[in-house]
N, C-alpha and C. Protein backbone atom coordinates (compact mmCIF):
# COMPACT_ATOMS: atom_id res chain seq x y z
N MET A 1 165.50 88.38 201.55
CA MET A 1 165.91 88.55 200.18
C MET A 1 165.59 87.29 199.37
N LYS A 2 165.83 86.13 199.95
CA LYS A 2 165.55 84.87 199.24
C LYS A 2 164.05 84.76 198.93
N LYS A 3 163.22 85.20 199.88
CA LYS A 3 161.78 85.13 199.68
C LYS A 3 161.35 86.05 198.53
N LEU A 4 161.98 87.21 198.44
CA LEU A 4 161.67 88.15 197.37
C LEU A 4 162.04 87.57 196.01
N ILE A 5 163.22 86.97 195.93
CA ILE A 5 163.66 86.35 194.68
C ILE A 5 162.73 85.21 194.29
N LEU A 6 162.36 84.41 195.27
CA LEU A 6 161.44 83.29 195.02
C LEU A 6 160.08 83.81 194.54
N ALA A 7 159.60 84.88 195.16
CA ALA A 7 158.30 85.44 194.77
C ALA A 7 158.37 85.99 193.34
N VAL A 8 159.43 86.68 193.00
CA VAL A 8 159.59 87.24 191.65
C VAL A 8 159.68 86.12 190.62
N ALA A 9 160.45 85.08 190.94
CA ALA A 9 160.59 83.95 190.02
C ALA A 9 159.24 83.25 189.82
N GLY A 10 158.50 83.08 190.90
CA GLY A 10 157.18 82.45 190.81
C GLY A 10 156.23 83.27 189.97
N SER A 11 156.26 84.59 190.15
CA SER A 11 155.41 85.48 189.36
C SER A 11 155.77 85.40 187.88
N ALA A 12 157.06 85.37 187.60
CA ALA A 12 157.51 85.28 186.21
C ALA A 12 157.04 83.98 185.56
N LEU A 13 157.17 82.87 186.29
CA LEU A 13 156.72 81.59 185.76
C LEU A 13 155.21 81.59 185.52
N PHE A 14 154.46 82.17 186.44
CA PHE A 14 153.01 82.25 186.28
C PHE A 14 152.65 83.06 185.04
N ALA A 15 153.32 84.20 184.87
CA ALA A 15 153.03 85.06 183.71
C ALA A 15 153.36 84.35 182.41
N LEU A 16 154.46 83.63 182.39
CA LEU A 16 154.84 82.91 181.18
C LEU A 16 153.88 81.78 180.88
N SER A 17 153.46 81.06 181.91
CA SER A 17 152.55 79.92 181.68
C SER A 17 151.17 80.39 181.27
N SER A 18 150.70 81.51 181.82
CA SER A 18 149.37 81.99 181.44
C SER A 18 149.36 82.57 180.03
N GLY A 19 150.50 83.06 179.57
CA GLY A 19 150.59 83.59 178.22
C GLY A 19 150.88 82.53 177.17
N ALA A 20 151.11 81.31 177.61
CA ALA A 20 151.45 80.23 176.69
C ALA A 20 150.32 79.94 175.73
N MET A 21 149.09 80.19 176.17
CA MET A 21 147.95 79.91 175.31
C MET A 21 147.20 81.20 175.01
N ALA A 22 147.94 82.24 174.65
CA ALA A 22 147.31 83.51 174.32
C ALA A 22 146.46 83.33 173.07
N ALA A 23 145.30 83.92 173.10
CA ALA A 23 144.35 83.76 171.99
C ALA A 23 144.80 84.55 170.77
N ASP A 24 144.50 84.02 169.62
CA ASP A 24 144.78 84.65 168.34
C ASP A 24 143.42 85.01 167.72
N LEU A 25 143.10 86.31 167.71
CA LEU A 25 141.78 86.75 167.25
C LEU A 25 141.54 86.44 165.78
N ALA A 26 142.56 86.60 164.95
CA ALA A 26 142.41 86.30 163.52
C ALA A 26 142.15 84.81 163.32
N ALA A 27 142.84 83.98 164.09
CA ALA A 27 142.61 82.53 164.01
C ALA A 27 141.22 82.19 164.54
N GLY A 28 140.74 82.92 165.53
CA GLY A 28 139.40 82.70 166.05
C GLY A 28 138.33 82.99 165.02
N LYS A 29 138.50 84.09 164.29
CA LYS A 29 137.55 84.42 163.23
C LYS A 29 137.59 83.37 162.12
N ALA A 30 138.81 82.95 161.77
CA ALA A 30 138.96 81.93 160.72
C ALA A 30 138.32 80.61 161.14
N ALA A 31 138.49 80.22 162.39
CA ALA A 31 137.90 78.97 162.88
C ALA A 31 136.38 79.08 162.94
N PHE A 32 135.87 80.25 163.34
CA PHE A 32 134.42 80.48 163.37
C PHE A 32 133.84 80.26 161.98
N GLU A 33 134.54 80.76 160.97
CA GLU A 33 134.09 80.58 159.59
C GLU A 33 134.29 79.15 159.11
N LYS A 34 135.44 78.57 159.42
CA LYS A 34 135.76 77.21 158.97
C LYS A 34 134.76 76.18 159.50
N PHE A 35 134.38 76.32 160.76
CA PHE A 35 133.48 75.34 161.37
C PHE A 35 132.01 75.73 161.23
N THR A 36 131.73 76.66 160.34
CA THR A 36 130.39 77.09 159.95
C THR A 36 129.50 77.52 161.12
N CYS A 37 130.09 78.16 162.10
CA CYS A 37 129.32 78.68 163.24
C CYS A 37 128.32 79.74 162.78
N ALA A 38 128.69 80.46 161.72
CA ALA A 38 127.85 81.54 161.21
C ALA A 38 126.51 81.03 160.67
N THR A 39 126.44 79.78 160.31
CA THR A 39 125.20 79.22 159.78
C THR A 39 124.05 79.44 160.75
N CYS A 40 124.30 79.31 162.03
CA CYS A 40 123.25 79.51 163.03
C CYS A 40 123.38 80.85 163.75
N HIS A 41 124.61 81.26 164.06
CA HIS A 41 124.83 82.43 164.91
C HIS A 41 125.07 83.72 164.15
N GLY A 42 125.12 83.66 162.81
CA GLY A 42 125.36 84.84 161.99
C GLY A 42 126.84 85.11 161.83
N ALA A 43 127.22 85.70 160.71
CA ALA A 43 128.63 85.95 160.42
C ALA A 43 129.27 86.89 161.43
N ASP A 44 128.46 87.75 162.03
CA ASP A 44 128.97 88.69 163.02
C ASP A 44 128.79 88.20 164.45
N GLY A 45 128.22 87.01 164.62
CA GLY A 45 127.99 86.45 165.95
C GLY A 45 126.85 87.09 166.71
N LYS A 46 126.17 88.05 166.08
CA LYS A 46 125.07 88.73 166.78
C LYS A 46 123.77 88.79 166.00
N THR A 47 123.73 88.09 164.87
CA THR A 47 122.49 88.03 164.10
C THR A 47 122.15 86.57 163.81
N PRO A 48 121.68 85.85 164.84
CA PRO A 48 121.36 84.43 164.65
C PRO A 48 120.23 84.25 163.64
N THR A 49 120.23 83.10 163.00
CA THR A 49 119.23 82.82 161.98
C THR A 49 117.85 82.51 162.57
N LEU A 50 117.80 82.08 163.81
CA LEU A 50 116.54 81.84 164.51
C LEU A 50 116.61 82.51 165.88
N PRO A 51 115.50 83.00 166.39
CA PRO A 51 115.51 83.67 167.69
C PRO A 51 115.97 82.77 168.85
N ALA A 52 115.84 81.47 168.69
CA ALA A 52 116.25 80.55 169.75
C ALA A 52 117.77 80.40 169.86
N TYR A 53 118.49 80.80 168.83
CA TYR A 53 119.95 80.69 168.85
C TYR A 53 120.53 81.92 169.55
N PRO A 54 121.49 81.72 170.43
CA PRO A 54 122.00 82.85 171.21
C PRO A 54 122.92 83.79 170.42
N ILE A 55 122.95 85.03 170.87
CA ILE A 55 123.94 86.00 170.39
C ILE A 55 125.25 85.66 171.10
N LEU A 56 126.30 85.50 170.33
CA LEU A 56 127.59 85.13 170.91
C LEU A 56 128.54 86.32 171.01
N ALA A 57 128.43 87.26 170.09
CA ALA A 57 129.32 88.43 170.10
C ALA A 57 129.13 89.20 171.40
N GLY A 58 130.25 89.57 172.00
CA GLY A 58 130.19 90.37 173.22
C GLY A 58 130.03 89.57 174.49
N GLN A 59 129.84 88.26 174.39
CA GLN A 59 129.76 87.44 175.60
C GLN A 59 131.15 87.39 176.26
N HIS A 60 131.19 87.09 177.52
CA HIS A 60 132.46 86.96 178.22
C HIS A 60 133.22 85.74 177.69
N GLN A 61 134.51 85.91 177.48
CA GLN A 61 135.32 84.83 176.92
C GLN A 61 135.28 83.58 177.80
N ASP A 62 135.38 83.74 179.11
CA ASP A 62 135.39 82.56 179.97
C ASP A 62 134.06 81.82 179.91
N TYR A 63 132.94 82.54 179.76
CA TYR A 63 131.64 81.90 179.62
C TYR A 63 131.57 81.09 178.33
N LEU A 64 132.04 81.69 177.23
CA LEU A 64 132.01 80.99 175.94
C LEU A 64 132.88 79.73 175.97
N LYS A 65 134.08 79.84 176.55
CA LYS A 65 134.96 78.65 176.66
C LYS A 65 134.29 77.57 177.49
N HIS A 66 133.69 77.97 178.60
CA HIS A 66 133.03 77.00 179.48
C HIS A 66 131.88 76.30 178.74
N ALA A 67 131.08 77.07 178.00
CA ALA A 67 129.95 76.48 177.27
C ALA A 67 130.43 75.52 176.20
N LEU A 68 131.44 75.90 175.43
CA LEU A 68 131.95 75.02 174.37
C LEU A 68 132.52 73.73 174.95
N LYS A 69 133.24 73.85 176.05
CA LYS A 69 133.79 72.65 176.69
C LYS A 69 132.68 71.76 177.26
N ALA A 70 131.63 72.37 177.79
CA ALA A 70 130.50 71.59 178.32
C ALA A 70 129.78 70.85 177.19
N TYR A 71 129.62 71.49 176.04
CA TYR A 71 129.03 70.80 174.88
C TYR A 71 129.93 69.65 174.44
N LYS A 72 131.23 69.87 174.49
CA LYS A 72 132.18 68.83 174.09
C LYS A 72 132.09 67.63 175.05
N ARG A 73 131.99 67.91 176.35
CA ARG A 73 131.83 66.82 177.32
C ARG A 73 130.50 66.09 177.10
N GLY A 74 129.45 66.84 176.78
CA GLY A 74 128.14 66.23 176.52
C GLY A 74 128.19 65.32 175.30
N ALA A 75 128.90 65.74 174.26
CA ALA A 75 129.02 64.93 173.05
C ALA A 75 129.83 63.66 173.31
N ALA A 76 130.73 63.74 174.30
CA ALA A 76 131.56 62.58 174.64
C ALA A 76 130.87 61.68 175.66
N ASN A 77 129.60 61.98 175.97
CA ASN A 77 128.81 61.21 176.95
C ASN A 77 129.44 61.17 178.33
N ALA A 78 130.01 62.29 178.74
CA ALA A 78 130.54 62.40 180.10
C ALA A 78 129.36 62.34 181.07
N PRO A 79 129.59 61.90 182.30
CA PRO A 79 128.49 61.84 183.27
C PRO A 79 127.96 63.25 183.57
N ALA A 80 126.71 63.33 183.96
CA ALA A 80 126.08 64.63 184.24
C ALA A 80 126.83 65.40 185.31
N THR A 81 127.52 64.72 186.18
CA THR A 81 128.28 65.40 187.23
C THR A 81 129.49 66.13 186.67
N ALA A 82 129.81 65.91 185.40
CA ALA A 82 130.97 66.56 184.78
C ALA A 82 130.60 67.90 184.15
N ASN A 83 129.41 68.44 184.50
CA ASN A 83 128.96 69.72 183.96
C ASN A 83 128.91 69.67 182.44
N VAL A 84 127.91 68.99 181.94
CA VAL A 84 127.77 68.79 180.50
C VAL A 84 126.59 69.60 179.96
N ARG A 85 126.65 69.83 178.67
CA ARG A 85 125.52 70.38 177.93
C ARG A 85 125.24 69.40 176.80
N LYS A 86 124.00 68.97 176.71
CA LYS A 86 123.62 68.02 175.67
C LYS A 86 122.81 68.75 174.60
N ASN A 87 123.32 68.73 173.39
CA ASN A 87 122.62 69.29 172.24
C ASN A 87 123.23 68.62 171.03
N ALA A 88 122.41 67.96 170.24
CA ALA A 88 122.91 67.18 169.11
C ALA A 88 123.68 68.04 168.11
N ILE A 89 123.17 69.21 167.81
CA ILE A 89 123.84 70.07 166.82
C ILE A 89 125.14 70.61 167.38
N MET A 90 125.08 71.22 168.56
CA MET A 90 126.30 71.80 169.14
C MET A 90 127.31 70.71 169.48
N GLY A 91 126.85 69.57 169.91
CA GLY A 91 127.76 68.47 170.22
C GLY A 91 128.57 68.06 169.00
N ALA A 92 127.90 67.95 167.87
CA ALA A 92 128.59 67.58 166.63
C ALA A 92 129.55 68.67 166.18
N MET A 93 129.17 69.92 166.39
CA MET A 93 130.02 71.03 165.97
C MET A 93 131.29 71.12 166.82
N VAL A 94 131.15 71.06 168.14
CA VAL A 94 132.31 71.25 169.00
C VAL A 94 133.22 70.02 169.04
N ALA A 95 132.71 68.88 168.63
CA ALA A 95 133.57 67.69 168.60
C ALA A 95 134.76 67.90 167.68
N GLN A 96 134.64 68.79 166.72
CA GLN A 96 135.71 69.07 165.76
C GLN A 96 136.74 70.06 166.30
N LEU A 97 136.42 70.77 167.38
CA LEU A 97 137.27 71.85 167.87
C LEU A 97 138.39 71.36 168.77
N SER A 98 139.57 71.90 168.56
CA SER A 98 140.71 71.64 169.45
C SER A 98 140.64 72.65 170.60
N PRO A 99 141.39 72.42 171.68
CA PRO A 99 141.43 73.42 172.75
C PRO A 99 141.88 74.80 172.25
N THR A 100 142.78 74.83 171.29
CA THR A 100 143.23 76.11 170.72
C THR A 100 142.10 76.77 169.94
N ASP A 101 141.32 75.99 169.19
CA ASP A 101 140.17 76.55 168.48
C ASP A 101 139.19 77.17 169.47
N ILE A 102 138.91 76.48 170.55
CA ILE A 102 137.98 76.99 171.57
C ILE A 102 138.50 78.29 172.16
N GLU A 103 139.78 78.34 172.48
CA GLU A 103 140.39 79.55 173.03
C GLU A 103 140.27 80.71 172.03
N ASN A 104 140.63 80.46 170.79
CA ASN A 104 140.63 81.52 169.78
C ASN A 104 139.23 81.99 169.41
N ILE A 105 138.31 81.06 169.22
CA ILE A 105 136.93 81.44 168.88
C ILE A 105 136.30 82.24 170.01
N SER A 106 136.46 81.78 171.23
CA SER A 106 135.85 82.49 172.35
C SER A 106 136.46 83.88 172.52
N ALA A 107 137.76 84.03 172.30
CA ALA A 107 138.39 85.35 172.40
C ALA A 107 137.90 86.28 171.30
N TRP A 108 137.79 85.75 170.08
CA TRP A 108 137.32 86.58 168.97
C TRP A 108 135.88 87.05 169.21
N LEU A 109 135.01 86.13 169.61
CA LEU A 109 133.62 86.50 169.86
C LEU A 109 133.51 87.52 170.99
N ALA A 110 134.30 87.34 172.03
CA ALA A 110 134.27 88.27 173.16
C ALA A 110 134.75 89.66 172.76
N SER A 111 135.59 89.75 171.75
CA SER A 111 136.14 91.04 171.33
C SER A 111 135.18 91.84 170.45
N LEU A 112 134.11 91.20 169.98
CA LEU A 112 133.19 91.86 169.04
C LEU A 112 132.21 92.80 169.75
N PRO A 113 131.86 93.90 169.08
CA PRO A 113 130.81 94.76 169.63
C PRO A 113 129.47 94.02 169.56
N SER A 114 128.60 94.35 170.47
CA SER A 114 127.35 93.60 170.55
C SER A 114 126.29 94.37 171.31
N PRO A 115 125.03 94.04 171.09
CA PRO A 115 123.97 94.66 171.88
C PRO A 115 123.98 94.16 173.32
N LEU A 116 124.78 93.15 173.62
CA LEU A 116 124.86 92.62 174.98
C LEU A 116 125.69 93.52 175.89
N ALA A 117 126.57 94.33 175.30
CA ALA A 117 127.47 95.16 176.09
C ALA A 117 126.79 96.45 176.50
N VAL A 118 127.12 96.92 177.66
CA VAL A 118 126.63 98.19 178.15
C VAL A 118 127.77 99.20 177.98
N ARG A 119 127.51 100.24 177.22
CA ARG A 119 128.52 101.27 176.99
C ARG A 119 128.20 102.51 177.82
N LYS A 120 129.22 103.11 178.38
CA LYS A 120 129.04 104.34 179.16
C LYS A 120 129.48 105.53 178.37
C-alpha cells in the first residue's frame, strides 16, 4: 500500500512539474510577430521569403525548441561539443528569446497546418 501511495504521489508531482511550463499558443504567435520571424519565414511560418529559409509551420515542437536553443548556444560561443548551430542572423534573433518565448513559439509553429504534415 505504501508503494502505491508513493507511486501515485510521484506521478502527481511529475504531472504538475511537466505542466508548469505549458505552452501558450497565443503568446507564441505574438512572440513570432514581435521578434520579426515572419520577415524570413513568412507570417504563416510556411511561406519563406527565400527558398533557402526553412518552413517552420508543422515541424515537431521538440525539434523547433532544440534548434532555437542550439542557435542560442552558438550565439553565446558555446563549445562545439555543446551541440551548437552557428548562423549570424539566427544567432542575433534567438539571443532575444527567453525560454518561455522558445516554448511558446515552437508550440505555436507546431500547431499550424503545413505541407510538411501527412494527412490521412
